[in-house]
Each structure stands twice: as C-alpha cells, then as structure tokens.
C-alpha cells in the first residue's frame, strides 16, 4: 500500500465541513483514483466482514457512502439481489467515473449513483442499510451523519470500518495507521474512536478490532 504524504493534509483545519478540507479530499482522491483498487486490495477481508455484518436481505435498499470506485458493489449486489437497490455516493469525480464504468460493465440496473458530498446529497429513502467503508472524513462530519440518519428506516443496519489507533505500546501498528492515514484522510482527529459520532445515532453498537487493533468494524442499528 502506498504511504506517500501530501502537503494539503498538514494545512487543513479541523472543521470537518470547511472548504479547505473538501478541497484536500478531492485532491487526494484525484491522485489516488488510478491506483485505488490496488491500494485497497489488502483490506478486502475487512470489506467482506463488514458487508457480512450488514446482514442484507433480498430486496433491501443499501447506501454505499463514499463508494469510491465501487469495490463494495459486487458484494452488496449479492446481498440485495436483483429486487434490491444500491445507492452509491461519492464526491470525487475521478472515483465516481470508475464506479460508473464498473456499473455499466456489470450491467447492474439497480444502482443509483450520486456525485457529491454525503452531507449535501439528496438521498432517496428510506433505506434498509448503510455501509461506511474506510470513510473516516465522512464519519467525522456531523451533517453527513445527520443526512444519512434521516435517510434510513428505524432499525436499519449500519456498519462502518477503517483505520484506528492501536494501543500506545503497539507502535509498529500505529506507524502503519499514521502512514496510511496521511494519504487517505484530511484530519487524524478522532482516530482513537472513529465511530464515536456515528454511535450517537445507533443502538446495539458493537465494536470489533482487527489486525492488532489497527482496524475496526463498528456495527449497530439505526436508533428508534
């Protein structure tokens, strides 16, 4: 996995909704789009585990938030079936172009793609499930989470996964997290508990750590 750094990371304010943060994120993913699938390959077991925890059923509507290049959509299709629906949201035009190509090549007719920020998206609902796969910036944006919560039915299944700080003594793992985060998020704020804002919207929250505590899967249901 590439661990290159960017200057924009260090100069962005902590305000998750700032224009500078959005500009930095767009710049990051413009650079990453051509190699994104390769970079995420090592995390496929996490993706599979996260989607399994959604417990999708045939006919479900699922939100793929920060869908990137559409890597999760094949597994989501297997869960919802032809009667179900996938709504993918991605603000990077370069990433979304690759998602559109994937959808077209696979001939999926049950996918709606929304190019834009999650906080500003008009999300059709109510949906039955939502996936946040390695979307730290979205998880630290309260307005994005409020928009998602308003688009989910009560009791909807929600799963988030991604990087987190491991125990302080596990410095090799934290070095890995630091390097990976430098070129995939615009702020490391909240990496000790990336799901903390999402938890405010969920019941029966369950946190599972992987890879020595450097990765997490958070799952729960939309609060009734």
Protein backbone atom coordinates (compact mmCIF):
# COMPACT_ATOMS: atom_id res chain seq x y z
CA UNK A 1 0.00 0.00 0.00
CA UNK A 2 1.32 3.43 -0.91
CA UNK A 3 2.10 5.55 2.15
CA UNK A 4 3.02 8.82 0.42
CA UNK A 5 2.17 12.06 2.21
CA UNK A 6 0.59 15.26 0.93
CA UNK A 7 1.10 18.87 1.97
CA UNK A 8 -2.60 19.53 1.98
CA UNK A 9 -3.08 17.22 4.97
CA UNK A 10 -0.99 19.27 7.34
CA UNK A 11 -2.61 22.59 6.41
CA UNK A 12 -6.29 21.70 6.61
CA UNK A 13 -8.34 22.94 9.60
CA UNK A 14 -10.12 20.50 11.93
CA UNK A 15 -13.55 21.84 10.97
CA UNK A 16 -14.88 18.83 9.01
CA UNK A 17 -17.13 20.97 6.84
CA UNK A 18 -14.50 23.51 5.78
CA UNK A 19 -13.97 24.19 2.06
CA UNK A 20 -10.25 23.58 2.54
CA UNK A 21 -10.93 20.09 3.89
CA UNK A 22 -13.15 19.28 0.92
CA UNK A 23 -10.54 20.63 -1.49
CA UNK A 24 -7.88 18.49 0.17
CA UNK A 25 -10.04 15.38 -0.04
CA UNK A 26 -10.80 15.95 -3.71
CA UNK A 27 -7.10 16.43 -4.42
CA UNK A 28 -6.20 13.24 -2.53
CA UNK A 29 -8.63 11.08 -4.42
CA UNK A 30 -7.84 12.65 -7.76
CA UNK A 31 -4.31 11.34 -7.29
CA UNK A 32 -5.40 8.00 -5.86
CA UNK A 33 -8.11 7.09 -8.36
CA UNK A 34 -5.83 5.26 -10.84
CA UNK A 35 -4.33 3.02 -8.11
CA UNK A 36 -7.14 2.96 -5.56
CA UNK A 37 -8.25 -0.61 -6.27
CA UNK A 38 -4.69 -1.85 -5.82
CA UNK A 39 -4.22 0.10 -2.58
CA UNK A 40 -7.40 -1.33 -1.05
CA UNK A 41 -6.70 -4.93 -2.07
CA UNK A 42 -5.08 -5.80 1.28
CA UNK A 43 -8.24 -4.72 3.10
CA UNK A 44 -10.64 -6.99 1.20
CA UNK A 45 -11.11 -9.30 4.22
CA UNK A 46 -12.28 -6.27 6.20
CA UNK A 47 -14.71 -5.29 3.42
CA UNK A 48 -16.15 -8.79 3.31
CA UNK A 49 -16.52 -8.95 7.08
CA UNK A 50 -18.16 -5.52 7.21
CA UNK A 51 -20.68 -6.30 4.46
CA UNK A 52 -21.49 -9.65 6.08
CA UNK A 53 -22.41 -7.76 9.27
CA UNK A 54 -24.97 -5.72 7.33
CA UNK A 55 -27.00 -8.97 7.07
CA UNK A 56 -28.56 -7.80 3.82
CA UNK A 57 -31.69 -9.47 2.50
CA UNK A 58 -33.11 -9.78 -0.97
CA UNK A 59 -34.97 -6.60 -1.85
CA UNK A 60 -33.11 -4.34 0.60
CA UNK A 61 -32.02 -0.80 -0.25
CA UNK A 62 -28.44 -0.13 0.89
CA UNK A 63 -26.39 3.07 0.96
CA UNK A 64 -22.74 2.80 -0.07
CA UNK A 65 -21.34 6.01 1.43
CA UNK A 66 -18.08 7.28 -0.03
CA UNK A 67 -18.36 4.43 -2.51
CA UNK A 68 -15.01 5.20 -4.17
CA UNK A 69 -14.57 3.12 -7.32
CA UNK A 70 -17.49 0.83 -6.45
CA UNK A 71 -15.42 -2.00 -4.98
CA UNK A 72 -18.14 -2.93 -2.49
CA UNK A 73 -20.94 -3.15 -5.03
CA UNK A 74 -20.45 -6.74 -6.14
CA UNK A 75 -20.83 -8.00 -2.57
CA UNK A 76 -23.73 -5.62 -1.96
CA UNK A 77 -25.40 -6.95 -5.11
CA UNK A 78 -25.08 -10.47 -3.78
CA UNK A 79 -26.84 -9.35 -0.61
CA UNK A 80 -29.77 -7.33 -2.03
CA UNK A 81 -30.31 -9.27 -5.24
CA UNK A 82 -31.98 -8.04 -8.39
CA UNK A 83 -35.02 -6.83 -6.44
CA UNK A 84 -32.89 -4.69 -4.16
CA UNK A 85 -31.22 -1.36 -4.77
CA UNK A 86 -27.80 0.20 -4.14
CA UNK A 87 -27.31 3.95 -3.72
CA UNK A 88 -23.66 4.95 -4.08
CA UNK A 89 -22.48 8.43 -3.04
CA UNK A 90 -19.01 9.76 -3.91
CA UNK A 91 -17.75 13.34 -4.15
CA UNK A 92 -14.62 12.62 -6.21
CA UNK A 93 -15.41 12.87 -9.96
CA UNK A 94 -12.41 10.68 -10.80
CA UNK A 95 -13.52 7.93 -8.42
CA UNK A 96 -17.15 8.18 -9.48
CA UNK A 97 -16.17 7.82 -13.14
CA UNK A 98 -14.66 4.44 -12.30
CA UNK A 99 -17.77 3.43 -10.38
CA UNK A 100 -19.97 4.30 -13.35
CA UNK A 101 -17.73 2.24 -15.61
CA UNK A 102 -17.96 -0.71 -13.22
CA UNK A 103 -21.75 -0.49 -13.05
CA UNK A 104 -22.03 -0.29 -16.83
CA UNK A 105 -19.65 -3.19 -17.42
CA UNK A 106 -21.56 -5.39 -14.96
CA UNK A 107 -24.92 -4.39 -16.38
CA UNK A 108 -26.34 -3.53 -12.96
CA UNK A 109 -29.72 -1.84 -13.37
CA UNK A 110 -30.47 -1.44 -9.67
CA UNK A 111 -27.79 1.14 -8.83
CA UNK A 112 -28.27 4.87 -8.30
CA UNK A 113 -25.09 6.97 -8.23
CA UNK A 114 -24.93 10.41 -6.61
CA UNK A 115 -21.83 12.50 -7.25
CA UNK A 116 -21.36 14.92 -4.36
CA UNK A 117 -20.73 15.15 -0.63
CA UNK A 118 -22.74 12.94 1.70
CA UNK A 119 -23.85 15.95 3.74
CA UNK A 120 -25.23 17.67 0.65
CA UNK A 121 -26.69 14.67 -1.16
CA UNK A 122 -30.43 14.26 -1.69
CA UNK A 123 -30.66 10.63 -0.64
CA UNK A 124 -33.82 8.76 -1.61
CA UNK A 125 -35.16 6.77 1.27
CA UNK A 126 -35.92 5.17 3.50
CA UNK A 127 -33.02 2.74 3.07
CA UNK A 128 -32.58 -0.53 4.96
CA UNK A 129 -28.81 -0.45 5.49
CA UNK A 130 -25.73 1.76 5.21
CA UNK A 131 -22.05 0.99 4.70
CA UNK A 132 -19.14 3.30 5.57
CA UNK A 133 -16.03 1.53 4.23
CA UNK A 134 -12.80 3.40 5.06
CA UNK A 135 -14.56 6.77 5.06
CA UNK A 136 -13.05 8.49 8.12
CA UNK A 137 -13.73 12.02 6.90
CA UNK A 138 -17.43 11.27 6.43
CA UNK A 139 -17.67 9.68 9.86
CA UNK A 140 -16.26 12.89 11.42
CA UNK A 141 -18.79 15.12 9.63
CA UNK A 142 -21.92 15.54 11.81
CA UNK A 143 -24.02 16.97 8.96
CA UNK A 144 -23.20 13.94 6.80
CA UNK A 145 -24.25 11.56 9.56
CA UNK A 146 -27.47 13.51 10.15
CA UNK A 147 -28.30 13.30 6.46
CA UNK A 148 -27.67 9.56 6.41
CA UNK A 149 -29.70 9.02 9.58
CA UNK A 150 -32.62 10.87 8.03
CA UNK A 151 -32.48 8.56 5.00
CA UNK A 152 -32.59 5.28 6.94
CA UNK A 153 -35.59 3.49 8.35
CA UNK A 154 -35.72 2.87 12.08
CA UNK A 155 -33.75 -0.25 12.93
CA UNK A 156 -31.73 -0.12 9.70
CA UNK A 157 -28.41 -1.96 9.79
CA UNK A 158 -25.34 0.31 9.81
CA UNK A 159 -21.71 -0.80 9.54
CA UNK A 160 -18.53 1.27 9.45
CA UNK A 161 -14.94 0.07 9.18
CA UNK A 162 -11.50 1.58 8.76
CA UNK A 163 -8.29 2.66 10.45
CA UNK A 164 -7.94 3.38 14.15
CA UNK A 165 -5.10 3.95 16.57
CA UNK A 166 -3.96 0.71 18.19
CA UNK A 167 -2.79 0.55 21.82
CA UNK A 168 0.02 3.06 22.56
CA UNK A 169 2.60 0.32 23.01
CA UNK A 170 1.86 -1.13 19.54
CA UNK A 171 4.00 1.50 17.81
CA UNK A 172 4.67 -0.54 14.62
CA UNK A 173 0.91 -0.80 14.05
CA UNK A 174 0.39 2.87 14.83
CA UNK A 175 3.16 3.73 12.39
CA UNK A 176 1.19 1.81 9.76
CA UNK A 177 -2.02 3.66 10.70
CA UNK A 178 -0.23 7.01 10.61
CA UNK A 179 1.28 6.35 7.19
CA UNK A 180 -1.96 5.05 5.70
CA UNK A 181 -4.00 7.91 7.17
CA UNK A 182 -1.64 10.58 5.88
CA UNK A 183 -2.75 9.99 2.35
CA UNK A 184 -6.32 8.82 2.85
CA UNK A 185 -7.87 11.29 5.34
CA UNK A 186 -7.74 15.05 5.71
CA UNK A 187 -7.53 15.01 9.52
CA UNK A 188 -6.43 12.38 12.04
CA UNK A 189 -8.79 13.83 14.57
CA UNK A 190 -10.96 11.08 16.05
CA UNK A 191 -8.79 8.12 15.02
CA UNK A 192 -8.81 6.88 18.61
CA UNK A 193 -12.60 6.27 18.29
CA UNK A 194 -13.58 6.86 14.64
CA UNK A 195 -17.15 5.67 15.19
CA UNK A 196 -17.92 7.98 18.16
CA UNK A 197 -20.15 10.43 16.24
CA UNK A 198 -21.92 7.62 14.41
CA UNK A 199 -22.60 5.93 17.77
CA UNK A 200 -24.93 8.81 18.69
CA UNK A 201 -27.36 7.55 16.02
CA UNK A 202 -27.14 3.81 16.75
CA UNK A 203 -28.49 1.21 19.13
CA UNK A 204 -26.76 -2.08 20.00
CA UNK A 205 -23.37 -0.78 18.92
CA UNK A 206 -20.71 -3.47 18.60
CA UNK A 207 -17.02 -2.72 18.02
CA UNK A 208 -14.65 -5.37 16.69
CA UNK A 209 -10.91 -4.77 16.35
CA UNK A 210 -8.74 -6.42 13.72
CA UNK A 211 -5.05 -6.51 12.78
CA UNK A 212 -3.82 -5.96 16.31
CA UNK A 213 -6.29 -3.15 16.93
CA UNK A 214 -5.27 -1.00 13.94
CA UNK A 215 -8.57 -1.66 12.13
CA UNK A 216 -12.13 -1.71 13.39
CA UNK A 217 -15.62 -2.75 12.38
CA UNK A 218 -18.45 -0.90 14.11
CA UNK A 219 -21.99 -2.24 13.65
CA UNK A 220 -25.37 -1.33 15.02
CA UNK A 221 -28.94 -0.42 14.11
CA UNK A 222 -30.49 2.97 13.49
CA UNK A 223 -31.93 4.30 16.73
CA UNK A 224 -35.69 4.05 17.00
